[in-house]
């Protein structure tokens, strides 16, 4: 694809957003940058799920080890206030790899993902992970409870994106390109899921958020000078970043951010994200009703009935 980005170490010091006071502010969130939509080969689109199978098998096996490492790391974080370095390295690699594969299956790129947990500066999907942060021991101890609300919401988003994936796949197969609105909506969903996984693995104390994109005052800490993840040589796609999606292809919108780590969602993109939530919620409710009915030999319980309202 010819996407060239300056290389950077896997973890970066985080002090403050550009222009902010010297003292640290809110914990840095995980950042995800994705190249702008590009023409895709229809044959690769048609065979996307089959092509992803080798990655899915490997990631399934690695995920088992990842949860073992996360469990061991939880004890380390509980007693020391920091995730052990071995856990940081392993879980960060798993997060990068799984994010690239998810983006590939979401049709955000047709560039085949590399079989590596390391960062690939040339790949059109990248994850920026800050250096390990101090963790609140109480938040570590109650991590499972804190995860419940966002885990439910993450499941809703996942259901919604899976249902709408058929629509996106048909459009991309017919036109050879994922529409801009679908592209930014899926980037938003992918970034939210990556942030959820990072919080689950204790790679950051930042609670998952940003599903509806970044505001005009947002800052991408990964490009902070003089340290950081390094400014891209010529960016992930258009010079204007995601702000150009309301314009003609390749034309940045007025005042759009040149920071590829930021995601200003278009109105159409926000509408699609809302659609993901609505469809996902209906699917989750339907699944609960079905499960309750099945467990009770086809006789829905009161809970199932309430869920169906």
C-alpha atoms as a PDB file:
ATOM      1  CA  UNK A   1       0.000   0.000   0.000  1.00  0.00           C
ATOM      2  CA  UNK A   2       2.996   2.297   0.332  1.00  0.00           C
ATOM      3  CA  UNK A   3       2.178   3.594   3.798  1.00  0.00           C
ATOM      4  CA  UNK A   4       5.421   4.727   5.420  1.00  0.00           C
ATOM      5  CA  UNK A   5       5.571   5.829   9.015  1.00  0.00           C
ATOM      6  CA  UNK A   6       8.587   6.597  11.138  1.00  0.00           C
ATOM      7  CA  UNK A   7       9.416   3.758  13.488  1.00  0.00           C
ATOM      8  CA  UNK A   8       9.007   4.109  17.212  1.00  0.00           C
ATOM      9  CA  UNK A   9       9.641   1.997  20.321  1.00  0.00           C
ATOM     10  CA  UNK A  10       6.757  -0.155  21.577  1.00  0.00           C
ATOM     11  CA  UNK A  11       6.102   1.972  24.680  1.00  0.00           C
ATOM     12  CA  UNK A  12       6.423   5.712  25.033  1.00  0.00           C
ATOM     13  CA  UNK A  13       6.808   8.142  27.948  1.00  0.00           C
ATOM     14  CA  UNK A  14       3.661  10.118  28.544  1.00  0.00           C
ATOM     15  CA  UNK A  15       3.892  13.497  30.284  1.00  0.00           C
ATOM     16  CA  UNK A  16       1.222  15.820  28.947  1.00  0.00           C
ATOM     17  CA  UNK A  17      -0.659  16.708  25.809  1.00  0.00           C
ATOM     18  CA  UNK A  18       1.024  19.311  23.586  1.00  0.00           C
ATOM     19  CA  UNK A  19       0.527  22.754  25.055  1.00  0.00           C
ATOM     20  CA  UNK A  20      -0.659  21.427  28.407  1.00  0.00           C
ATOM     21  CA  UNK A  21       0.981  22.060  31.770  1.00  0.00           C
ATOM     22  CA  UNK A  22       4.075  20.067  32.639  1.00  0.00           C
ATOM     23  CA  UNK A  23       2.208  17.959  35.200  1.00  0.00           C
ATOM     24  CA  UNK A  24       0.585  14.748  33.927  1.00  0.00           C
ATOM     25  CA  UNK A  25      -3.147  14.886  33.269  1.00  0.00           C
ATOM     26  CA  UNK A  26      -5.641  12.095  32.661  1.00  0.00           C
ATOM     27  CA  UNK A  27      -4.191   8.640  31.949  1.00  0.00           C
ATOM     28  CA  UNK A  28      -3.354   8.256  28.259  1.00  0.00           C
ATOM     29  CA  UNK A  29      -5.821   6.118  26.307  1.00  0.00           C
ATOM     30  CA  UNK A  30      -4.773   3.513  23.788  1.00  0.00           C
ATOM     31  CA  UNK A  31      -4.704   5.103  20.337  1.00  0.00           C
ATOM     32  CA  UNK A  32      -5.497   3.442  17.018  1.00  0.00           C
ATOM     33  CA  UNK A  33      -4.649   4.869  13.596  1.00  0.00           C
ATOM     34  CA  UNK A  34      -6.104   3.426  10.396  1.00  0.00           C
ATOM     35  CA  UNK A  35      -5.370   4.462   6.822  1.00  0.00           C
ATOM     36  CA  UNK A  36      -8.138   6.154   4.849  1.00  0.00           C
ATOM     37  CA  UNK A  37     -10.352   3.938   2.643  1.00  0.00           C
ATOM     38  CA  UNK A  38      -8.584   2.577  -0.418  1.00  0.00           C
ATOM     39  CA  UNK A  39      -9.697   0.432  -3.360  1.00  0.00           C
ATOM     40  CA  UNK A  40      -9.804  -3.266  -2.458  1.00  0.00           C
ATOM     41  CA  UNK A  41      -9.508  -6.353  -4.614  1.00  0.00           C
ATOM     42  CA  UNK A  42     -12.939  -7.938  -4.860  1.00  0.00           C
ATOM     43  CA  UNK A  43     -11.540 -11.480  -4.760  1.00  0.00           C
ATOM     44  CA  UNK A  44      -9.821 -10.715  -1.442  1.00  0.00           C
ATOM     45  CA  UNK A  45     -13.057  -9.211  -0.137  1.00  0.00           C
ATOM     46  CA  UNK A  46     -15.034 -12.308  -1.144  1.00  0.00           C
ATOM     47  CA  UNK A  47     -12.545 -14.623   0.588  1.00  0.00           C
ATOM     48  CA  UNK A  48     -11.849 -12.399   3.593  1.00  0.00           C
ATOM     49  CA  UNK A  49     -13.056 -14.809   6.298  1.00  0.00           C
ATOM     50  CA  UNK A  50     -11.222 -17.759   4.767  1.00  0.00           C
ATOM     51  CA  UNK A  51      -8.005 -15.760   4.470  1.00  0.00           C
ATOM     52  CA  UNK A  52      -8.244 -14.744   8.125  1.00  0.00           C
ATOM     53  CA  UNK A  53      -8.520 -18.344   9.400  1.00  0.00           C
ATOM     54  CA  UNK A  54      -4.760 -18.892  10.010  1.00  0.00           C
ATOM     55  CA  UNK A  55      -4.633 -15.723  12.119  1.00  0.00           C
ATOM     56  CA  UNK A  56      -7.802 -16.654  14.001  1.00  0.00           C
ATOM     57  CA  UNK A  57      -6.420 -20.076  14.922  1.00  0.00           C
ATOM     58  CA  UNK A  58      -3.160 -18.614  16.190  1.00  0.00           C
ATOM     59  CA  UNK A  59      -4.902 -15.812  18.060  1.00  0.00           C
ATOM     60  CA  UNK A  60      -7.234 -18.299  19.736  1.00  0.00           C
ATOM     61  CA  UNK A  61      -4.248 -20.233  21.055  1.00  0.00           C
ATOM     62  CA  UNK A  62      -2.424 -17.061  22.062  1.00  0.00           C
ATOM     63  CA  UNK A  63      -5.537 -15.723  23.786  1.00  0.00           C
ATOM     64  CA  UNK A  64      -5.450 -18.665  26.193  1.00  0.00           C
ATOM     65  CA  UNK A  65      -1.905 -17.760  27.151  1.00  0.00           C
ATOM     66  CA  UNK A  66      -2.886 -14.083  27.278  1.00  0.00           C
ATOM     67  CA  UNK A  67      -5.519 -14.666  29.944  1.00  0.00           C
ATOM     68  CA  UNK A  68      -3.086 -16.775  31.971  1.00  0.00           C
ATOM     69  CA  UNK A  69      -0.512 -13.973  31.748  1.00  0.00           C
ATOM     70  CA  UNK A  70      -3.195 -11.411  32.635  1.00  0.00           C
ATOM     71  CA  UNK A  71      -4.176 -13.428  35.722  1.00  0.00           C
ATOM     72  CA  UNK A  72      -0.560 -13.610  36.887  1.00  0.00           C
ATOM     73  CA  UNK A  73      -0.116  -9.935  36.049  1.00  0.00           C
ATOM     74  CA  UNK A  74      -3.207  -9.080  38.106  1.00  0.00           C
ATOM     75  CA  UNK A  75      -1.500 -10.385  41.236  1.00  0.00           C
ATOM     76  CA  UNK A  76       1.642  -8.449  40.421  1.00  0.00           C
ATOM     77  CA  UNK A  77      -0.346  -5.243  39.844  1.00  0.00           C
ATOM     78  CA  UNK A  78      -2.317  -5.801  43.040  1.00  0.00           C
ATOM     79  CA  UNK A  79       0.824  -5.930  45.187  1.00  0.00           C
ATOM     80  CA  UNK A  80       3.097  -3.492  43.326  1.00  0.00           C
ATOM     81  CA  UNK A  81       0.689  -1.069  41.646  1.00  0.00           C
ATOM     82  CA  UNK A  82       2.205  -1.867  38.252  1.00  0.00           C
ATOM     83  CA  UNK A  83       1.659  -4.575  35.673  1.00  0.00           C
ATOM     84  CA  UNK A  84       4.843  -6.710  35.492  1.00  0.00           C
ATOM     85  CA  UNK A  85       6.960  -5.980  32.441  1.00  0.00           C
ATOM     86  CA  UNK A  86       6.696  -9.519  31.049  1.00  0.00           C
ATOM     87  CA  UNK A  87       2.896  -9.173  31.109  1.00  0.00           C
ATOM     88  CA  UNK A  88       3.075  -5.736  29.482  1.00  0.00           C
ATOM     89  CA  UNK A  89       5.201  -7.095  26.641  1.00  0.00           C
ATOM     90  CA  UNK A  90       3.094 -10.196  26.000  1.00  0.00           C
ATOM     91  CA  UNK A  91      -0.326  -8.552  26.293  1.00  0.00           C
ATOM     92  CA  UNK A  92       0.705  -5.533  24.204  1.00  0.00           C
ATOM     93  CA  UNK A  93       1.864  -7.825  21.420  1.00  0.00           C
ATOM     94  CA  UNK A  94      -1.375  -9.787  21.552  1.00  0.00           C
ATOM     95  CA  UNK A  95      -3.364  -6.533  21.447  1.00  0.00           C
ATOM     96  CA  UNK A  96      -1.501  -5.237  18.392  1.00  0.00           C
ATOM     97  CA  UNK A  97      -1.868  -8.516  16.519  1.00  0.00           C
ATOM     98  CA  UNK A  98      -5.572  -8.978  17.314  1.00  0.00           C
ATOM     99  CA  UNK A  99      -6.379  -5.354  16.421  1.00  0.00           C
ATOM    100  CA  UNK A 100      -4.750  -5.696  13.005  1.00  0.00           C
ATOM    101  CA  UNK A 101      -6.667  -8.921  12.293  1.00  0.00           C
ATOM    102  CA  UNK A 102      -9.959  -7.373  13.462  1.00  0.00           C
ATOM    103  CA  UNK A 103      -9.376  -4.402  11.156  1.00  0.00           C
ATOM    104  CA  UNK A 104      -8.645  -6.768   8.263  1.00  0.00           C
ATOM    105  CA  UNK A 105     -11.891  -8.663   8.867  1.00  0.00           C
ATOM    106  CA  UNK A 106     -13.801  -5.373   9.163  1.00  0.00           C
ATOM    107  CA  UNK A 107     -12.622  -4.531   5.617  1.00  0.00           C
ATOM    108  CA  UNK A 108     -10.714  -1.482   6.869  1.00  0.00           C
ATOM    109  CA  UNK A 109      -7.808  -2.642   4.709  1.00  0.00           C
ATOM    110  CA  UNK A 110      -7.078  -5.485   2.313  1.00  0.00           C
ATOM    111  CA  UNK A 111      -3.388  -5.574   3.251  1.00  0.00           C
ATOM    112  CA  UNK A 112      -2.807  -8.993   4.825  1.00  0.00           C
ATOM    113  CA  UNK A 113      -1.804  -8.689   8.491  1.00  0.00           C
ATOM    114  CA  UNK A 114       1.717  -9.726   9.478  1.00  0.00           C
ATOM    115  CA  UNK A 115       2.175 -12.752  11.721  1.00  0.00           C
ATOM    116  CA  UNK A 116       3.880 -10.862  14.503  1.00  0.00           C
ATOM    117  CA  UNK A 117       3.050  -9.262  17.862  1.00  0.00           C
ATOM    118  CA  UNK A 118       5.492  -6.449  17.113  1.00  0.00           C
ATOM    119  CA  UNK A 119       4.553  -3.067  15.731  1.00  0.00           C
ATOM    120  CA  UNK A 120       4.743  -2.852  11.937  1.00  0.00           C
ATOM    121  CA  UNK A 121       5.297   0.790  10.885  1.00  0.00           C
ATOM    122  CA  UNK A 122       4.359  -0.033   7.292  1.00  0.00           C
ATOM    123  CA  UNK A 123       0.997  -1.614   8.063  1.00  0.00           C
ATOM    124  CA  UNK A 124      -2.065   0.662   7.602  1.00  0.00           C
ATOM    125  CA  UNK A 125      -3.472  -0.202  11.062  1.00  0.00           C
ATOM    126  CA  UNK A 126      -1.407   0.700  14.135  1.00  0.00           C
ATOM    127  CA  UNK A 127      -1.874   0.699  17.886  1.00  0.00           C
ATOM    128  CA  UNK A 128      -0.137   3.257  20.121  1.00  0.00           C
ATOM    129  CA  UNK A 129       0.481   1.939  23.644  1.00  0.00           C
ATOM    130  CA  UNK A 130       1.922   4.276  26.297  1.00  0.00           C
ATOM    131  CA  UNK A 131       4.630   3.166  28.670  1.00  0.00           C
ATOM    132  CA  UNK A 132       3.300   1.244  31.704  1.00  0.00           C
ATOM    133  CA  UNK A 133       1.378   3.485  34.071  1.00  0.00           C
ATOM    134  CA  UNK A 134       0.890   3.339  37.830  1.00  0.00           C
ATOM    135  CA  UNK A 135      -2.297   1.423  38.634  1.00  0.00           C
ATOM    136  CA  UNK A 136      -4.684   2.061  41.486  1.00  0.00           C
ATOM    137  CA  UNK A 137      -4.682  -1.096  43.628  1.00  0.00           C
ATOM    138  CA  UNK A 138      -8.366  -0.734  44.468  1.00  0.00           C
ATOM    139  CA  UNK A 139      -9.191  -0.477  40.752  1.00  0.00           C
ATOM    140  CA  UNK A 140      -7.052  -3.552  40.128  1.00  0.00           C
ATOM    141  CA  UNK A 141      -8.774  -5.507  42.925  1.00  0.00           C
ATOM    142  CA  UNK A 142     -12.249  -4.584  41.637  1.00  0.00           C
ATOM    143  CA  UNK A 143     -11.268  -4.799  37.946  1.00  0.00           C
ATOM    144  CA  UNK A 144     -13.806  -7.533  37.203  1.00  0.00           C
ATOM    145  CA  UNK A 145     -16.651  -5.494  38.680  1.00  0.00           C
ATOM    146  CA  UNK A 146     -15.501  -2.345  36.883  1.00  0.00           C
ATOM    147  CA  UNK A 147     -15.441  -4.291  33.631  1.00  0.00           C
ATOM    148  CA  UNK A 148     -19.073  -5.433  33.797  1.00  0.00           C
ATOM    149  CA  UNK A 149     -20.768  -2.281  32.375  1.00  0.00           C
ATOM    150  CA  UNK A 150     -18.246  -1.769  29.587  1.00  0.00           C
ATOM    151  CA  UNK A 151     -18.176  -5.516  28.836  1.00  0.00           C
ATOM    152  CA  UNK A 152     -21.937  -5.478  28.257  1.00  0.00           C
ATOM    153  CA  UNK A 153     -21.625  -2.390  26.073  1.00  0.00           C
ATOM    154  CA  UNK A 154     -18.718  -3.957  24.184  1.00  0.00           C
ATOM    155  CA  UNK A 155     -20.868  -7.024  23.483  1.00  0.00           C
ATOM    156  CA  UNK A 156     -23.616  -4.762  22.145  1.00  0.00           C
ATOM    157  CA  UNK A 157     -21.164  -3.031  19.802  1.00  0.00           C
ATOM    158  CA  UNK A 158     -19.764  -6.374  18.688  1.00  0.00           C
ATOM    159  CA  UNK A 159     -23.227  -7.754  17.859  1.00  0.00           C
ATOM    160  CA  UNK A 160     -24.109  -4.584  15.953  1.00  0.00           C
ATOM    161  CA  UNK A 161     -20.936  -4.552  13.893  1.00  0.00           C
ATOM    162  CA  UNK A 162     -21.309  -8.238  13.051  1.00  0.00           C
ATOM    163  CA  UNK A 163     -24.850  -7.764  11.754  1.00  0.00           C
ATOM    164  CA  UNK A 164     -23.920  -4.678   9.727  1.00  0.00           C
ATOM    165  CA  UNK A 165     -20.796  -6.431   8.442  1.00  0.00           C
ATOM    166  CA  UNK A 166     -22.937  -8.227   5.867  1.00  0.00           C
ATOM    167  CA  UNK A 167     -24.121  -4.890   4.470  1.00  0.00           C
ATOM    168  CA  UNK A 168     -20.567  -3.545   4.418  1.00  0.00           C
ATOM    169  CA  UNK A 169     -19.290  -6.717   2.763  1.00  0.00           C
ATOM    170  CA  UNK A 170     -21.902  -6.592  -0.030  1.00  0.00           C
ATOM    171  CA  UNK A 171     -21.198  -2.914  -0.727  1.00  0.00           C
ATOM    172  CA  UNK A 172     -17.429  -3.425  -0.761  1.00  0.00           C
ATOM    173  CA  UNK A 173     -17.752  -6.503  -2.963  1.00  0.00           C
ATOM    174  CA  UNK A 174     -19.875  -4.560  -5.447  1.00  0.00           C
ATOM    175  CA  UNK A 175     -17.932  -1.282  -5.467  1.00  0.00           C
ATOM    176  CA  UNK A 176     -14.415  -2.366  -4.528  1.00  0.00           C
ATOM    177  CA  UNK A 177     -14.253   0.156  -1.667  1.00  0.00           C
ATOM    178  CA  UNK A 178     -15.700   0.411   1.843  1.00  0.00           C
ATOM    179  CA  UNK A 179     -17.799   3.614   2.030  1.00  0.00           C
ATOM    180  CA  UNK A 180     -16.356   6.455   4.142  1.00  0.00           C
ATOM    181  CA  UNK A 181     -19.188   6.378   6.661  1.00  0.00           C
ATOM    182  CA  UNK A 182     -18.773   2.650   7.249  1.00  0.00           C
ATOM    183  CA  UNK A 183     -15.013   3.053   7.432  1.00  0.00           C
ATOM    184  CA  UNK A 184     -14.981   5.645  10.208  1.00  0.00           C
ATOM    185  CA  UNK A 185     -17.786   3.878  12.097  1.00  0.00           C
ATOM    186  CA  UNK A 186     -15.851   0.618  12.071  1.00  0.00           C
ATOM    187  CA  UNK A 187     -12.654   2.409  13.105  1.00  0.00           C
ATOM    188  CA  UNK A 188     -14.567   3.852  16.082  1.00  0.00           C
ATOM    189  CA  UNK A 189     -15.869   0.396  17.025  1.00  0.00           C
ATOM    190  CA  UNK A 190     -12.424  -1.158  16.578  1.00  0.00           C
ATOM    191  CA  UNK A 191     -10.756   1.509  18.727  1.00  0.00           C
ATOM    192  CA  UNK A 192     -13.341   1.079  21.483  1.00  0.00           C
ATOM    193  CA  UNK A 193     -12.843  -2.691  21.517  1.00  0.00           C
ATOM    194  CA  UNK A 194      -9.059  -2.253  21.617  1.00  0.00           C
ATOM    195  CA  UNK A 195      -9.371   0.144  24.542  1.00  0.00           C
ATOM    196  CA  UNK A 196     -11.658  -2.283  26.335  1.00  0.00           C
ATOM    197  CA  UNK A 197      -9.141  -5.106  25.887  1.00  0.00           C
ATOM    198  CA  UNK A 198      -6.285  -2.864  27.037  1.00  0.00           C
ATOM    199  CA  UNK A 199      -8.200  -1.904  30.192  1.00  0.00           C
ATOM    200  CA  UNK A 200      -9.114  -5.531  30.802  1.00  0.00           C
ATOM    201  CA  UNK A 201      -5.429  -6.478  30.527  1.00  0.00           C
ATOM    202  CA  UNK A 202      -4.423  -3.543  32.787  1.00  0.00           C
ATOM    203  CA  UNK A 203      -2.221  -2.022  30.087  1.00  0.00           C
ATOM    204  CA  UNK A 204      -3.733   1.355  30.963  1.00  0.00           C
ATOM    205  CA  UNK A 205      -5.814   2.799  33.808  1.00  0.00           C
ATOM    206  CA  UNK A 206      -7.835   4.792  31.241  1.00  0.00           C
ATOM    207  CA  UNK A 207     -11.452   3.579  31.192  1.00  0.00           C
ATOM    208  CA  UNK A 208     -12.658   2.744  27.631  1.00  0.00           C
ATOM    209  CA  UNK A 209     -14.369   5.582  25.789  1.00  0.00           C
ATOM    210  CA  UNK A 210     -14.341   7.664  22.626  1.00  0.00           C
ATOM    211  CA  UNK A 211     -16.859   5.572  20.695  1.00  0.00           C
ATOM    212  CA  UNK A 212     -18.258   8.674  18.983  1.00  0.00           C
ATOM    213  CA  UNK A 213     -14.846   9.934  17.962  1.00  0.00           C
ATOM    214  CA  UNK A 214     -12.625  12.754  19.171  1.00  0.00           C
ATOM    215  CA  UNK A 215     -13.649  16.346  19.719  1.00  0.00           C
ATOM    216  CA  UNK A 216     -11.901  19.389  18.226  1.00  0.00           C
ATOM    217  CA  UNK A 217      -9.861  19.901  21.415  1.00  0.00           C
ATOM    218  CA  UNK A 218      -8.632  16.313  21.626  1.00  0.00           C
ATOM    219  CA  UNK A 219      -4.929  15.610  21.511  1.00  0.00           C
ATOM    220  CA  UNK A 220      -3.184  12.519  20.256  1.00  0.00           C
ATOM    221  CA  UNK A 221      -0.453  11.980  22.816  1.00  0.00           C
ATOM    222  CA  UNK A 222       1.440   9.669  20.474  1.00  0.00           C
ATOM    223  CA  UNK A 223       2.615  12.590  18.343  1.00  0.00           C
ATOM    224  CA  UNK A 224       3.583  14.842  21.248  1.00  0.00           C
ATOM    225  CA  UNK A 225       6.958  16.532  20.791  1.00  0.00           C
ATOM    226  CA  UNK A 226       9.764  16.038  21.537  1.00  0.00           C
ATOM    227  CA  UNK A 227       9.013  12.458  22.584  1.00  0.00           C
ATOM    228  CA  UNK A 228       6.276  10.158  21.432  1.00  0.00           C
ATOM    229  CA  UNK A 229       5.419   7.763  18.694  1.00  0.00           C
ATOM    230  CA  UNK A 230       6.829  10.019  16.021  1.00  0.00           C
ATOM    231  CA  UNK A 231       4.950  11.998  13.416  1.00  0.00           C
ATOM    232  CA  UNK A 232       4.118   9.907  10.322  1.00  0.00           C
ATOM    233  CA  UNK A 233       6.260  10.645   7.292  1.00  0.00           C
ATOM    234  CA  UNK A 234       3.167  11.321   5.188  1.00  0.00           C
ATOM    235  CA  UNK A 235       0.376  10.132   7.360  1.00  0.00           C
ATOM    236  CA  UNK A 236      -2.215   7.401   7.299  1.00  0.00           C
ATOM    237  CA  UNK A 237      -4.145   8.485   4.219  1.00  0.00           C
ATOM    238  CA  UNK A 238      -5.199  12.080   3.640  1.00  0.00           C
ATOM    239  CA  UNK A 239      -3.166  14.985   5.087  1.00  0.00           C
ATOM    240  CA  UNK A 240      -6.311  16.168   6.839  1.00  0.00           C
ATOM    241  CA  UNK A 241      -6.880  12.919   8.690  1.00  0.00           C
ATOM    242  CA  UNK A 242     -10.381  11.568   9.236  1.00  0.00           C
ATOM    243  CA  UNK A 243     -11.919  15.035   8.918  1.00  0.00           C
ATOM    244  CA  UNK A 244     -11.752  14.708   5.147  1.00  0.00           C
ATOM    245  CA  UNK A 245     -14.428  12.033   4.990  1.00  0.00           C
ATOM    246  CA  UNK A 246     -17.263  14.526   4.513  1.00  0.00           C
ATOM    247  CA  UNK A 247     -15.540  15.815   1.387  1.00  0.00           C
ATOM    248  CA  UNK A 248     -14.518  14.286  -1.901  1.00  0.00           C
ATOM    249  CA  UNK A 249     -12.126  11.334  -1.615  1.00  0.00           C
ATOM    250  CA  UNK A 250      -8.667  12.547  -0.635  1.00  0.00           C
ATOM    251  CA  UNK A 251      -9.771  16.109   0.152  1.00  0.00           C
ATOM    252  CA  UNK A 252      -9.360  17.129   3.816  1.00  0.00           C
ATOM    253  CA  UNK A 253     -12.128  19.090   5.463  1.00  0.00           C
ATOM    254  CA  UNK A 254     -11.537  22.633   6.596  1.00  0.00           C
ATOM    255  CA  UNK A 255      -9.825  22.651   9.962  1.00  0.00           C
ATOM    256  CA  UNK A 256      -9.331  18.904   9.950  1.00  0.00           C
ATOM    257  CA  UNK A 257      -6.622  17.554  12.206  1.00  0.00           C
ATOM    258  CA  UNK A 258      -3.445  16.289  10.581  1.00  0.00           C
ATOM    259  CA  UNK A 259      -2.966  13.896  13.501  1.00  0.00           C
ATOM    260  CA  UNK A 260      -3.675  10.352  12.266  1.00  0.00           C
ATOM    261  CA  UNK A 261      -4.266   9.165  15.843  1.00  0.00           C
ATOM    262  CA  UNK A 262      -7.391  11.315  16.201  1.00  0.00           C
ATOM    263  CA  UNK A 263     -10.838  10.308  14.925  1.00  0.00           C
ATOM    264  CA  UNK A 264     -13.323  13.130  14.229  1.00  0.00           C
ATOM    265  CA  UNK A 265     -16.433  11.171  13.239  1.00  0.00           C
ATOM    266  CA  UNK A 266     -18.657  12.435  10.451  1.00  0.00           C
ATOM    267  CA  UNK A 267     -22.415  12.764  10.982  1.00  0.00           C
ATOM    268  CA  UNK A 268     -22.981   9.659   8.842  1.00  0.00           C
ATOM    269  CA  UNK A 269     -20.366   7.794  10.843  1.00  0.00           C
ATOM    270  CA  UNK A 270     -22.049   8.730  14.130  1.00  0.00           C
ATOM    271  CA  UNK A 271     -25.398   7.587  12.760  1.00  0.00           C
ATOM    272  CA  UNK A 272     -23.885   4.207  11.881  1.00  0.00           C
ATOM    273  CA  UNK A 273     -22.340   3.862  15.346  1.00  0.00           C
ATOM    274  CA  UNK A 274     -25.797   4.515  16.820  1.00  0.00           C
ATOM    275  CA  UNK A 275     -27.171   1.859  14.461  1.00  0.00           C
ATOM    276  CA  UNK A 276     -24.550  -0.592  15.765  1.00  0.00           C
ATOM    277  CA  UNK A 277     -25.728   0.100  19.323  1.00  0.00           C
ATOM    278  CA  UNK A 278     -29.442  -0.292  18.542  1.00  0.00           C
ATOM    279  CA  UNK A 279     -29.016  -3.493  16.522  1.00  0.00           C
ATOM    280  CA  UNK A 280     -26.553  -4.910  19.026  1.00  0.00           C
ATOM    281  CA  UNK A 281     -28.880  -4.220  21.954  1.00  0.00           C
ATOM    282  CA  UNK A 282     -31.767  -5.935  20.158  1.00  0.00           C
ATOM    283  CA  UNK A 283     -29.556  -8.942  19.407  1.00  0.00           C
ATOM    284  CA  UNK A 284     -28.369  -9.181  23.000  1.00  0.00           C
ATOM    285  CA  UNK A 285     -31.923  -8.990  24.325  1.00  0.00           C
ATOM    286  CA  UNK A 286     -33.060 -11.576  21.802  1.00  0.00           C
ATOM    287  CA  UNK A 287     -30.248 -13.907  22.788  1.00  0.00           C
ATOM    288  CA  UNK A 288     -31.145 -13.613  26.475  1.00  0.00           C
ATOM    289  CA  UNK A 289     -34.813 -14.335  25.739  1.00  0.00           C
ATOM    290  CA  UNK A 290     -33.858 -17.361  23.660  1.00  0.00           C
ATOM    291  CA  UNK A 291     -31.451 -18.665  26.302  1.00  0.00           C
ATOM    292  CA  UNK A 292     -34.026 -18.302  29.067  1.00  0.00           C
ATOM    293  CA  UNK A 293     -36.679 -19.980  26.958  1.00  0.00           C
ATOM    294  CA  UNK A 294     -34.345 -22.867  26.107  1.00  0.00           C
ATOM    295  CA  UNK A 295     -33.329 -23.392  29.728  1.00  0.00           C
ATOM    296  CA  UNK A 296     -36.979 -23.586  30.731  1.00  0.00           C
ATOM    297  CA  UNK A 297     -38.013 -26.089  28.050  1.00  0.00           C
ATOM    298  CA  UNK A 298     -39.509 -23.503  25.804  1.00  0.00           C
ATOM    299  CA  UNK A 299     -41.432 -21.691  28.555  1.00  0.00           C
ATOM    300  CA  UNK A 300     -40.040 -18.141  28.891  1.00  0.00           C
ATOM    301  CA  UNK A 301     -39.518 -16.945  32.440  1.00  0.00           C
ATOM    302  CA  UNK A 302     -40.614 -13.587  33.814  1.00  0.00           C
ATOM    303  CA  UNK A 303     -37.076 -12.275  33.268  1.00  0.00           C
ATOM    304  CA  UNK A 304     -37.180 -13.329  29.642  1.00  0.00           C
ATOM    305  CA  UNK A 305     -40.495 -11.591  29.134  1.00  0.00           C
ATOM    306  CA  UNK A 306     -39.194  -8.413  30.751  1.00  0.00           C
ATOM    307  CA  UNK A 307     -36.112  -8.520  28.558  1.00  0.00           C
ATOM    308  CA  UNK A 308     -38.273  -8.795  25.462  1.00  0.00           C
ATOM    309  CA  UNK A 309     -40.173  -5.577  26.204  1.00  0.00           C
END
